[in-house]
Amino acid sequence: GLWLIDADRLLQWRVAWQRVEIGQAEPVLLQPRVAQGQVVPPQPSGWRPPTQRSLLLYGPLRSLSVLEDALTQRIAWRSLVVQFGREPQPGLTRSSLMLTLQGTLYESPEPGLAPI
């Protein structure tokens, strides 16, 4: 199976977010380098490409503090929206300042591989 530590960690922090959506893992389509009609360097046998997942987080702005630097280095953020509103009963997942983050989470198929 794939190494899903990043998705698992995000789900552990779900309590700090009102909404967490993590898409299905899909292989990252890598374009091999080709020189003189040969793939350079050739892929080792058994090599599996990294995977990517869509990611949406929605919750109080303060929930941003629970994200770890090591994890967020593997997320390509596409959108950050902060909404200001009147929340009659602020709570763990509700606040006057709400944040929506959208991006792509990249995962290695094997533990210990360097992030892309």
N, C-alpha and C. Protein backbone atom coordinates (compact mmCIF):
# COMPACT_ATOMS: atom_id res chain seq x y z
N GLY A 1 0.80 -1.19 0.00
CA GLY A 1 0.00 0.00 0.00
C GLY A 1 0.85 1.26 0.00
N LEU A 2 0.21 2.36 -0.25
CA LEU A 2 0.90 3.64 -0.28
C LEU A 2 1.10 4.17 1.13
N TRP A 3 2.09 4.97 1.28
CA TRP A 3 2.39 5.61 2.55
C TRP A 3 1.47 6.80 2.70
N LEU A 4 0.48 6.71 3.58
CA LEU A 4 -0.56 7.73 3.70
C LEU A 4 -0.40 8.58 4.96
N ILE A 5 0.83 8.69 5.45
CA ILE A 5 1.04 9.40 6.71
C ILE A 5 0.53 10.83 6.66
N ASP A 6 0.69 11.52 5.53
CA ASP A 6 0.25 12.91 5.45
C ASP A 6 -1.27 13.01 5.56
N ALA A 7 -1.98 12.21 4.80
CA ALA A 7 -3.45 12.22 4.87
C ALA A 7 -3.91 11.82 6.26
N ASP A 8 -3.26 10.83 6.86
CA ASP A 8 -3.62 10.40 8.21
C ASP A 8 -3.41 11.52 9.22
N ARG A 9 -2.30 12.25 9.11
CA ARG A 9 -2.05 13.35 10.05
C ARG A 9 -3.09 14.44 9.89
N LEU A 10 -3.45 14.75 8.65
CA LEU A 10 -4.49 15.77 8.44
C LEU A 10 -5.81 15.36 9.08
N LEU A 11 -6.14 14.09 8.98
CA LEU A 11 -7.40 13.62 9.59
C LEU A 11 -7.34 13.69 11.11
N GLN A 12 -6.15 13.53 11.71
CA GLN A 12 -6.01 13.66 13.16
C GLN A 12 -6.32 15.09 13.61
N TRP A 13 -6.03 16.05 12.77
CA TRP A 13 -6.27 17.45 13.11
C TRP A 13 -7.67 17.89 12.75
N ARG A 14 -8.49 17.00 12.26
CA ARG A 14 -9.85 17.34 11.83
C ARG A 14 -10.63 18.08 12.90
N VAL A 15 -10.36 17.81 14.15
CA VAL A 15 -11.10 18.44 15.25
C VAL A 15 -10.92 19.97 15.23
N ALA A 16 -9.82 20.47 14.67
CA ALA A 16 -9.57 21.91 14.64
C ALA A 16 -10.23 22.59 13.44
N TRP A 17 -10.74 21.80 12.50
CA TRP A 17 -11.31 22.34 11.26
C TRP A 17 -12.79 21.98 11.18
N GLN A 18 -13.58 22.84 10.61
CA GLN A 18 -15.00 22.56 10.42
C GLN A 18 -15.19 21.59 9.25
N ARG A 19 -14.33 21.68 8.27
CA ARG A 19 -14.44 20.83 7.07
C ARG A 19 -13.05 20.45 6.58
N VAL A 20 -12.83 19.15 6.36
CA VAL A 20 -11.59 18.64 5.79
C VAL A 20 -11.96 17.68 4.67
N GLU A 21 -11.48 17.97 3.47
CA GLU A 21 -11.73 17.09 2.33
C GLU A 21 -10.38 16.70 1.73
N ILE A 22 -10.13 15.39 1.69
CA ILE A 22 -8.90 14.86 1.11
C ILE A 22 -9.31 13.93 -0.01
N GLY A 23 -8.86 14.25 -1.23
CA GLY A 23 -9.23 13.47 -2.39
C GLY A 23 -8.52 12.13 -2.46
N GLN A 24 -8.93 11.33 -3.42
CA GLN A 24 -8.31 10.04 -3.66
C GLN A 24 -6.89 10.23 -4.18
N ALA A 25 -6.00 9.32 -3.81
CA ALA A 25 -4.61 9.39 -4.29
C ALA A 25 -4.56 9.07 -5.78
N GLU A 26 -3.84 9.89 -6.51
CA GLU A 26 -3.62 9.68 -7.93
C GLU A 26 -2.13 9.80 -8.20
N PRO A 27 -1.59 8.99 -9.12
CA PRO A 27 -0.16 9.12 -9.40
C PRO A 27 0.16 10.48 -10.02
N VAL A 28 1.31 11.02 -9.64
CA VAL A 28 1.79 12.26 -10.26
C VAL A 28 2.36 11.87 -11.62
N LEU A 29 1.89 12.53 -12.66
CA LEU A 29 2.38 12.23 -14.00
C LEU A 29 3.66 12.99 -14.23
N LEU A 30 4.76 12.25 -14.26
CA LEU A 30 6.09 12.85 -14.46
C LEU A 30 6.50 12.67 -15.91
N GLN A 31 7.02 13.72 -16.49
CA GLN A 31 7.51 13.65 -17.86
C GLN A 31 8.99 13.25 -17.81
N PRO A 32 9.34 12.07 -18.36
CA PRO A 32 10.74 11.67 -18.33
C PRO A 32 11.56 12.53 -19.28
N ARG A 33 12.80 12.72 -18.90
CA ARG A 33 13.73 13.42 -19.78
C ARG A 33 14.15 12.47 -20.87
N VAL A 34 14.16 12.94 -22.10
CA VAL A 34 14.55 12.11 -23.23
C VAL A 34 15.72 12.77 -23.93
N ALA A 35 16.79 12.00 -24.14
CA ALA A 35 17.96 12.48 -24.87
C ALA A 35 18.34 11.43 -25.89
N GLN A 36 18.43 11.82 -27.12
CA GLN A 36 18.78 10.92 -28.23
C GLN A 36 17.88 9.68 -28.24
N GLY A 37 16.59 9.91 -28.00
CA GLY A 37 15.61 8.82 -28.06
C GLY A 37 15.62 7.90 -26.85
N GLN A 38 16.41 8.20 -25.83
CA GLN A 38 16.50 7.35 -24.62
C GLN A 38 15.97 8.13 -23.41
N VAL A 39 15.27 7.43 -22.54
CA VAL A 39 14.84 8.04 -21.28
C VAL A 39 16.07 8.17 -20.39
N VAL A 40 16.30 9.39 -19.88
CA VAL A 40 17.48 9.66 -19.06
C VAL A 40 17.03 10.22 -17.72
N PRO A 41 17.38 9.67 -16.59
CA PRO A 41 17.84 8.29 -16.44
C PRO A 41 16.62 7.36 -16.48
N PRO A 42 16.81 6.10 -16.82
CA PRO A 42 15.66 5.18 -16.85
C PRO A 42 15.12 4.95 -15.44
N GLN A 43 13.84 4.69 -15.34
CA GLN A 43 13.21 4.43 -14.04
C GLN A 43 13.67 3.06 -13.54
N PRO A 44 14.08 2.95 -12.28
CA PRO A 44 14.45 1.64 -11.73
C PRO A 44 13.22 0.72 -11.71
N SER A 45 13.44 -0.56 -11.85
CA SER A 45 12.30 -1.48 -11.82
C SER A 45 11.67 -1.43 -10.43
N GLY A 46 10.35 -1.48 -10.39
CA GLY A 46 9.63 -1.43 -9.12
C GLY A 46 9.42 -0.02 -8.58
N TRP A 47 9.96 0.98 -9.26
CA TRP A 47 9.79 2.36 -8.80
C TRP A 47 8.35 2.80 -8.97
N ARG A 48 7.81 3.43 -7.95
CA ARG A 48 6.45 3.95 -8.03
C ARG A 48 6.50 5.46 -7.92
N PRO A 49 5.73 6.15 -8.74
CA PRO A 49 5.75 7.61 -8.68
C PRO A 49 5.08 8.11 -7.42
N PRO A 50 5.39 9.35 -7.02
CA PRO A 50 4.66 9.93 -5.89
C PRO A 50 3.18 10.10 -6.26
N THR A 51 2.37 10.30 -5.24
CA THR A 51 0.93 10.49 -5.48
C THR A 51 0.55 11.91 -5.09
N GLN A 52 -0.61 12.32 -5.60
CA GLN A 52 -1.16 13.63 -5.25
C GLN A 52 -2.61 13.47 -4.87
N ARG A 53 -3.07 14.34 -3.98
CA ARG A 53 -4.46 14.35 -3.52
C ARG A 53 -4.92 15.80 -3.46
N SER A 54 -6.16 16.04 -3.84
CA SER A 54 -6.73 17.37 -3.65
C SER A 54 -7.00 17.55 -2.15
N LEU A 55 -6.93 18.79 -1.71
CA LEU A 55 -7.07 19.07 -0.29
C LEU A 55 -7.88 20.35 -0.11
N LEU A 56 -8.85 20.31 0.79
CA LEU A 56 -9.62 21.49 1.16
C LEU A 56 -9.74 21.51 2.68
N LEU A 57 -9.38 22.63 3.27
CA LEU A 57 -9.52 22.83 4.71
C LEU A 57 -10.36 24.07 4.93
N TYR A 58 -11.34 24.00 5.83
CA TYR A 58 -12.18 25.15 6.16
C TYR A 58 -12.37 25.18 7.67
N GLY A 59 -12.05 26.31 8.26
CA GLY A 59 -12.22 26.45 9.70
C GLY A 59 -11.73 27.80 10.16
N PRO A 60 -11.66 27.98 11.48
CA PRO A 60 -11.20 29.25 12.03
C PRO A 60 -9.75 29.54 11.60
N LEU A 61 -9.45 30.80 11.42
CA LEU A 61 -8.10 31.20 11.04
C LEU A 61 -7.06 30.62 11.99
N ARG A 62 -7.37 30.53 13.27
CA ARG A 62 -6.42 30.01 14.26
C ARG A 62 -6.06 28.54 14.01
N SER A 63 -6.88 27.80 13.26
CA SER A 63 -6.58 26.39 12.96
C SER A 63 -5.36 26.24 12.08
N LEU A 64 -4.96 27.31 11.42
CA LEU A 64 -3.76 27.28 10.59
C LEU A 64 -2.54 26.90 11.42
N SER A 65 -2.55 27.22 12.70
CA SER A 65 -1.40 26.95 13.56
C SER A 65 -1.17 25.46 13.81
N VAL A 66 -2.16 24.59 13.55
CA VAL A 66 -1.96 23.16 13.81
C VAL A 66 -1.22 22.46 12.67
N LEU A 67 -1.10 23.11 11.52
CA LEU A 67 -0.40 22.48 10.40
C LEU A 67 1.10 22.50 10.64
N GLU A 68 1.73 21.36 10.44
CA GLU A 68 3.17 21.24 10.66
C GLU A 68 3.94 21.69 9.43
N ASP A 69 5.08 22.33 9.65
CA ASP A 69 5.92 22.79 8.54
C ASP A 69 6.33 21.64 7.63
N ALA A 70 6.70 20.49 8.21
CA ALA A 70 7.15 19.35 7.40
C ALA A 70 6.05 18.88 6.46
N LEU A 71 4.81 18.98 6.89
CA LEU A 71 3.69 18.57 6.05
C LEU A 71 3.39 19.63 4.99
N THR A 72 3.34 20.88 5.41
CA THR A 72 2.94 21.92 4.47
C THR A 72 3.98 22.14 3.37
N GLN A 73 5.20 21.66 3.55
CA GLN A 73 6.20 21.74 2.48
C GLN A 73 5.81 20.86 1.30
N ARG A 74 4.93 19.90 1.51
CA ARG A 74 4.50 18.99 0.44
C ARG A 74 3.11 19.34 -0.08
N ILE A 75 2.63 20.53 0.26
CA ILE A 75 1.33 20.98 -0.23
C ILE A 75 1.55 22.18 -1.15
N ALA A 76 1.02 22.08 -2.35
CA ALA A 76 1.03 23.21 -3.28
C ALA A 76 -0.31 23.93 -3.09
N TRP A 77 -0.28 25.06 -2.39
CA TRP A 77 -1.51 25.79 -2.11
C TRP A 77 -1.95 26.54 -3.37
N ARG A 78 -3.23 26.46 -3.71
CA ARG A 78 -3.80 27.17 -4.86
C ARG A 78 -4.65 28.35 -4.43
N SER A 79 -5.21 28.27 -3.24
CA SER A 79 -6.16 29.30 -2.84
C SER A 79 -6.19 29.43 -1.32
N LEU A 80 -6.25 30.68 -0.85
CA LEU A 80 -6.42 30.99 0.56
C LEU A 80 -7.44 32.13 0.63
N VAL A 81 -8.54 31.89 1.30
CA VAL A 81 -9.60 32.90 1.43
C VAL A 81 -9.92 33.06 2.91
N VAL A 82 -9.91 34.31 3.37
CA VAL A 82 -10.29 34.62 4.76
C VAL A 82 -11.61 35.38 4.70
N GLN A 83 -12.57 34.89 5.47
CA GLN A 83 -13.89 35.53 5.53
C GLN A 83 -14.09 36.11 6.92
N PHE A 84 -14.62 37.32 6.96
CA PHE A 84 -14.95 37.95 8.22
C PHE A 84 -16.46 37.99 8.37
N GLY A 85 -16.94 37.52 9.48
CA GLY A 85 -18.38 37.52 9.72
C GLY A 85 -18.67 37.58 11.20
N ARG A 86 -19.91 37.65 11.52
CA ARG A 86 -20.32 37.66 12.93
C ARG A 86 -20.74 36.25 13.30
N GLU A 87 -20.00 35.65 14.18
CA GLU A 87 -20.32 34.30 14.66
C GLU A 87 -20.98 34.45 16.02
N PRO A 88 -22.28 34.11 16.12
CA PRO A 88 -22.98 34.30 17.40
C PRO A 88 -22.42 33.45 18.53
N GLN A 89 -21.89 32.27 18.22
CA GLN A 89 -21.34 31.40 19.24
C GLN A 89 -20.00 30.84 18.77
N PRO A 90 -18.91 31.59 18.95
CA PRO A 90 -17.61 31.06 18.56
C PRO A 90 -17.31 29.75 19.31
N GLY A 91 -16.60 28.87 18.66
CA GLY A 91 -16.23 27.60 19.27
C GLY A 91 -14.96 27.08 18.65
N LEU A 92 -14.66 25.82 18.90
CA LEU A 92 -13.42 25.24 18.38
C LEU A 92 -13.34 25.33 16.86
N THR A 93 -14.46 25.12 16.17
CA THR A 93 -14.44 25.14 14.70
C THR A 93 -15.19 26.33 14.11
N ARG A 94 -15.53 27.31 14.95
CA ARG A 94 -16.24 28.51 14.48
C ARG A 94 -15.58 29.75 15.05
N SER A 95 -15.52 30.78 14.21
CA SER A 95 -14.90 32.03 14.64
C SER A 95 -15.37 33.15 13.74
N SER A 96 -15.08 34.39 14.11
CA SER A 96 -15.40 35.53 13.26
C SER A 96 -14.51 35.56 12.02
N LEU A 97 -13.31 34.99 12.12
CA LEU A 97 -12.39 34.90 10.99
C LEU A 97 -12.30 33.44 10.54
N MET A 98 -12.88 33.15 9.38
CA MET A 98 -12.88 31.78 8.85
C MET A 98 -11.93 31.70 7.65
N LEU A 99 -11.26 30.59 7.53
CA LEU A 99 -10.24 30.39 6.51
C LEU A 99 -10.60 29.21 5.63
N THR A 100 -10.44 29.36 4.32
CA THR A 100 -10.56 28.25 3.38
C THR A 100 -9.23 28.12 2.66
N LEU A 101 -8.65 26.93 2.73
CA LEU A 101 -7.39 26.62 2.03
C LEU A 101 -7.66 25.51 1.04
N GLN A 102 -7.16 25.66 -0.18
CA GLN A 102 -7.26 24.61 -1.19
C GLN A 102 -5.89 24.39 -1.79
N GLY A 103 -5.57 23.14 -2.03
CA GLY A 103 -4.28 22.83 -2.61
C GLY A 103 -4.18 21.38 -3.02
N THR A 104 -2.95 20.99 -3.34
CA THR A 104 -2.63 19.62 -3.71
C THR A 104 -1.58 19.09 -2.76
N LEU A 105 -1.86 17.95 -2.14
CA LEU A 105 -0.95 17.29 -1.21
C LEU A 105 -0.16 16.24 -1.98
N TYR A 106 1.17 16.30 -1.90
CA TYR A 106 2.03 15.33 -2.57
C TYR A 106 2.58 14.36 -1.53
N GLU A 107 2.52 13.06 -1.85
CA GLU A 107 2.97 12.02 -0.93
C GLU A 107 3.94 11.08 -1.64
N SER A 108 4.91 10.60 -0.89
CA SER A 108 5.84 9.60 -1.41
C SER A 108 5.22 8.22 -1.23
N PRO A 109 5.43 7.31 -2.20
CA PRO A 109 4.86 5.97 -2.06
C PRO A 109 5.57 5.12 -1.01
N GLU A 110 6.75 5.53 -0.59
CA GLU A 110 7.51 4.78 0.41
C GLU A 110 7.95 5.72 1.52
N PRO A 111 7.92 5.29 2.78
CA PRO A 111 8.42 6.13 3.87
C PRO A 111 9.91 6.44 3.66
N GLY A 112 10.30 7.62 4.05
CA GLY A 112 11.71 7.97 4.00
C GLY A 112 12.16 8.60 2.69
N LEU A 113 11.32 8.60 1.68
CA LEU A 113 11.71 9.24 0.43
C LEU A 113 11.61 10.75 0.60
N ALA A 114 12.48 11.46 -0.06
CA ALA A 114 12.47 12.91 0.03
C ALA A 114 11.19 13.49 -0.57
N PRO A 115 10.67 14.53 0.03
CA PRO A 115 9.48 15.17 -0.56
C PRO A 115 9.84 15.80 -1.90
N ILE A 116 8.82 15.91 -2.76
CA ILE A 116 9.07 16.52 -4.07
C ILE A 116 8.82 17.99 -4.00
